[in-house]
C-alpha atoms as a PDB file:
ATOM      1  CA  MET A   1       6.081  11.495  16.890  1.00  0.00           C
ATOM      2  CA  ASN A   2       8.396  13.673  18.969  1.00  0.00           C
ATOM      3  CA  ILE A   3      10.649  10.605  19.074  1.00  0.00           C
ATOM      4  CA  LEU A   4      11.707  11.569  15.550  1.00  0.00           C
ATOM      5  CA  PHE A   5      13.299  14.727  16.904  1.00  0.00           C
ATOM      6  CA  GLU A   6      14.543  13.098  20.110  1.00  0.00           C
ATOM      7  CA  GLU A   7      16.477  10.507  18.122  1.00  0.00           C
ATOM      8  CA  HIS A   8      17.556  12.927  15.381  1.00  0.00           C
ATOM      9  CA  VAL A   9      18.312  16.222  17.097  1.00  0.00           C
ATOM     10  CA  GLU A  10      20.171  17.391  13.985  1.00  0.00           C
ATOM     11  CA  LEU A  11      16.799  17.754  12.244  1.00  0.00           C
ATOM     12  CA  LEU A  12      15.782  20.494  14.692  1.00  0.00           C
ATOM     13  CA  SER A  13      18.624  22.691  13.447  1.00  0.00           C
ATOM     14  CA  LEU A  14      16.981  22.754  10.002  1.00  0.00           C
ATOM     15  CA  PHE A  15      14.053  24.715  11.390  1.00  0.00           C
ATOM     16  CA  GLU A  16      14.732  28.242  12.604  1.00  0.00           C
ATOM     17  CA  LYS A  17      12.036  28.090  15.280  1.00  0.00           C
ATOM     18  CA  PHE A  18      13.317  24.786  16.728  1.00  0.00           C
ATOM     19  CA  LYS A  19      17.069  25.499  16.875  1.00  0.00           C
ATOM     20  CA  GLU A  20      16.957  26.563  20.525  1.00  0.00           C
ATOM     21  CA  LEU A  21      15.200  23.366  21.698  1.00  0.00           C
ATOM     22  CA  SER A  22      18.333  21.614  22.955  1.00  0.00           C
ATOM     23  CA  THR A  23      16.913  19.493  25.774  1.00  0.00           C
ATOM     24  CA  LYS A  24      14.205  16.830  25.742  1.00  0.00           C
ATOM     25  CA  GLU A  25      12.306  18.962  28.248  1.00  0.00           C
ATOM     26  CA  ASP A  26      12.403  21.972  25.902  1.00  0.00           C
ATOM     27  CA  GLN A  27      11.230  19.745  23.057  1.00  0.00           C
ATOM     28  CA  ALA A  28       8.420  18.234  25.141  1.00  0.00           C
ATOM     29  CA  ASN A  29       7.182  21.679  26.168  1.00  0.00           C
ATOM     30  CA  SER A  30       7.320  23.230  22.696  1.00  0.00           C
ATOM     31  CA  LEU A  31       3.837  23.693  21.272  1.00  0.00           C
ATOM     32  CA  GLU A  32       5.301  24.551  17.867  1.00  0.00           C
ATOM     33  CA  LEU A  33       7.279  21.306  17.776  1.00  0.00           C
ATOM     34  CA  GLN A  34       4.192  19.323  18.778  1.00  0.00           C
ATOM     35  CA  GLU A  35       2.255  21.058  15.999  1.00  0.00           C
ATOM     36  CA  HIS A  36       4.981  20.201  13.492  1.00  0.00           C
ATOM     37  CA  ALA A  37       4.984  16.548  14.608  1.00  0.00           C
ATOM     38  CA  SER A  38       1.203  16.602  14.215  1.00  0.00           C
ATOM     39  CA  THR A  39       1.595  18.042  10.703  1.00  0.00           C
ATOM     40  CA  VAL A  40       3.980  15.208   9.804  1.00  0.00           C
ATOM     41  CA  MET A  41       1.482  12.628  11.061  1.00  0.00           C
ATOM     42  CA  ASN A  42      -1.388  14.356   9.236  1.00  0.00           C
ATOM     43  CA  THR A  43       0.652  14.282   6.024  1.00  0.00           C
ATOM     44  CA  LEU A  44       1.198  10.545   6.423  1.00  0.00           C
ATOM     45  CA  ASP A  45      -2.475  10.072   7.244  1.00  0.00           C
ATOM     46  CA  GLU A  46      -3.550  12.036   4.168  1.00  0.00           C
ATOM     47  CA  GLY A  47      -1.143  10.002   2.061  1.00  0.00           C
ATOM     48  CA  ILE A  48      -2.641   6.753   3.301  1.00  0.00           C
ATOM     49  CA  LYS A  49      -6.204   8.019   2.804  1.00  0.00           C
ATOM     50  CA  GLY A  50      -5.275   9.062  -0.733  1.00  0.00           C
ATOM     51  CA  LEU A  51      -4.258   5.580  -1.783  1.00  0.00           C
ATOM     52  CA  ASP A  52      -7.720   5.021  -3.243  1.00  0.00           C
ATOM     53  CA  ASN A  53      -7.082   7.871  -5.707  1.00  0.00           C
ATOM     54  CA  LEU A  54      -3.517   7.424  -6.887  1.00  0.00           C
ATOM     55  CA  ASP A  55      -3.442  10.602  -8.987  1.00  0.00           C
ATOM     56  CA  ALA A  56      -4.302  12.693  -5.920  1.00  0.00           C
ATOM     57  CA  PHE A  57      -1.937  10.600  -3.761  1.00  0.00           C
ATOM     58  CA  PHE A  58       1.044  11.235  -6.035  1.00  0.00           C
ATOM     59  CA  GLU A  59       0.216  14.897  -6.553  1.00  0.00           C
ATOM     60  CA  TYR A  60      -0.129  15.569  -2.818  1.00  0.00           C
ATOM     61  CA  LEU A  61       3.009  13.732  -1.732  1.00  0.00           C
ATOM     62  CA  HIS A  62       5.074  15.082  -4.612  1.00  0.00           C
ATOM     63  CA  GLN A  63       4.101  18.605  -3.518  1.00  0.00           C
ATOM     64  CA  VAL A  64       5.008  17.851   0.100  1.00  0.00           C
ATOM     65  CA  GLY A  65       8.327  16.348  -1.007  1.00  0.00           C
ATOM     66  CA  ALA A  66       9.075  19.323  -3.241  1.00  0.00           C
ATOM     67  CA  SER A  67       8.250  21.761  -0.421  1.00  0.00           C
ATOM     68  CA  HIS A  68      11.223  20.418   1.537  1.00  0.00           C
ATOM     69  CA  ARG A  69      13.527  21.977  -1.076  1.00  0.00           C
ATOM     70  CA  ARG A  70      12.809  25.294   0.674  1.00  0.00           C
ATOM     71  CA  ILE A  71      14.411  24.063   3.910  1.00  0.00           C
ATOM     72  CA  PRO A  72      18.081  25.084   3.898  1.00  0.00           C
ATOM     73  CA  GLY A  73      20.307  22.106   4.626  1.00  0.00           C
ATOM     74  CA  PHE A  74      17.582  19.498   4.149  1.00  0.00           C
ATOM     75  CA  LYS A  75      18.876  16.232   2.716  1.00  0.00           C
ATOM     76  CA  VAL A  76      16.649  13.776   0.878  1.00  0.00           C
ATOM     77  CA  GLU A  77      17.731  10.913   3.145  1.00  0.00           C
ATOM     78  CA  TYR A  78      16.064  12.698   6.075  1.00  0.00           C
ATOM     79  CA  PHE A  79      12.718  11.441   4.778  1.00  0.00           C
ATOM     80  CA  TRP A  80      13.740   7.912   5.859  1.00  0.00           C
ATOM     81  CA  LYS A  81      14.044   9.079   9.473  1.00  0.00           C
ATOM     82  CA  ILE A  82      10.235   9.148   9.714  1.00  0.00           C
ATOM     83  CA  GLU A  83       9.902   5.398   9.111  1.00  0.00           C
ATOM     84  CA  LYS A  84      10.743   4.085  12.598  1.00  0.00           C
ATOM     85  CA  PRO A  85       8.752   6.706  14.588  1.00  0.00           C
ATOM     86  CA  PHE A  86       5.770   6.170  12.274  1.00  0.00           C
ATOM     87  CA  LEU A  87       5.813   2.409  12.821  1.00  0.00           C
ATOM     88  CA  GLU A  88       6.175   2.914  16.579  1.00  0.00           C
ATOM     89  CA  ALA A  89       3.195   5.300  16.558  1.00  0.00           C
ATOM     90  CA  VAL A  90       1.099   2.765  14.643  1.00  0.00           C
ATOM     91  CA  GLN A  91       2.106   0.004  17.059  1.00  0.00           C
ATOM     92  CA  THR A  92       1.206   2.174  20.056  1.00  0.00           C
ATOM     93  CA  THR A  93      -2.120   3.151  18.503  1.00  0.00           C
ATOM     94  CA  LEU A  94      -3.135  -0.380  17.501  1.00  0.00           C
ATOM     95  CA  GLY A  95      -1.843  -2.174  20.596  1.00  0.00           C
ATOM     96  CA  ASP A  96      -2.852  -5.850  20.461  1.00  0.00           C
ATOM     97  CA  ARG A  97      -4.164  -5.417  16.917  1.00  0.00           C
ATOM     98  CA  TYR A  98      -0.577  -4.745  15.735  1.00  0.00           C
ATOM     99  CA  THR A  99       0.141  -8.203  14.344  1.00  0.00           C
ATOM    100  CA  GLU A 100       3.053  -9.260  12.176  1.00  0.00           C
ATOM    101  CA  ASN A 101       0.780  -9.021   9.125  1.00  0.00           C
ATOM    102  CA  VAL A 102      -0.331  -5.486  10.039  1.00  0.00           C
ATOM    103  CA  GLU A 103       3.291  -4.514  10.652  1.00  0.00           C
ATOM    104  CA  ASN A 104       4.276  -5.757   7.186  1.00  0.00           C
ATOM    105  CA  ILE A 105       1.433  -3.810   5.586  1.00  0.00           C
ATOM    106  CA  TYR A 106       2.477  -0.597   7.335  1.00  0.00           C
ATOM    107  CA  LYS A 107       6.163  -1.152   6.491  1.00  0.00           C
ATOM    108  CA  ILE A 108       5.268  -1.438   2.812  1.00  0.00           C
ATOM    109  CA  THR A 109       2.958   1.581   3.053  1.00  0.00           C
ATOM    110  CA  ILE A 110       5.470   3.887   4.762  1.00  0.00           C
ATOM    111  CA  LYS A 111       8.191   2.828   2.320  1.00  0.00           C
ATOM    112  CA  PHE A 112       5.903   3.673  -0.600  1.00  0.00           C
ATOM    113  CA  ILE A 113       5.022   7.053   0.948  1.00  0.00           C
ATOM    114  CA  ILE A 114       8.669   7.932   1.629  1.00  0.00           C
ATOM    115  CA  GLU A 115       9.713   6.923  -1.893  1.00  0.00           C
ATOM    116  CA  THR A 116       6.920   9.125  -3.274  1.00  0.00           C
ATOM    117  CA  LEU A 117       8.060  12.082  -1.119  1.00  0.00           C
ATOM    118  CA  ILE A 118      11.601  11.565  -2.399  1.00  0.00           C
ATOM    119  CA  THR A 119      10.387  11.545  -6.005  1.00  0.00           C
ATOM    120  CA  GLY A 120       8.630  14.865  -5.393  1.00  0.00           C
ATOM    121  CA  TYR A 121      11.757  16.279  -3.745  1.00  0.00           C
ATOM    122  CA  ASN A 122      14.054  15.081  -6.558  1.00  0.00           C
ATOM    123  CA  ASN A 123      11.728  16.278  -9.327  1.00  0.00           C
ATOM    124  CA  ALA A 124      11.307  19.744  -7.808  1.00  0.00           C
ATOM    125  CA  ASN A 125      14.424  21.031  -9.532  1.00  0.00           C
ATOM    126  CA  ALA A 126      14.162  18.878 -12.640  1.00  0.00           C
ATOM    127  CA  PRO A 127      13.593  20.730 -15.884  1.00  0.00           C
ATOM    128  CA  THR A 128      10.151  20.216 -17.375  1.00  0.00           C
END
C-alpha cells in the first residue's frame, strides 16, 4: 500500500508526521507510514466485511469519510487515489486466483467504498 504514497507524494504533505519523508527510502523505513498504510487497508477490509450489514457499512465508511475533514488541505478527490494501489494489492495477494471476473468484482467494490467515503466526507458539513 506504500505505492499510494510513492505515486502521490503530495499526500504525505497533508500529514504533519509524514512531511519530512521525501525519499522512497525514508518512506520505506517509516514505521508510522507503514502503520498508516495498514490502517487504510484495514478500513477497506472492514468496509468489505461490512457489506453483509449495509447499515453498519454505511455508518462506518461515512464516519471514516467525515474524519478526513479534519485533515487540513485534504481534497475529496484524494479518495480516488486509493483505487489503483488497492487493486494492485488484491492482485498481488490473490496471484493466479486474480481472474478477470475477480478483478471486475473488486473494481466495483472499491468504487462503491470510495463513493461511500465521499458521501461521508461531503455530508460532514451538511446541515442536519
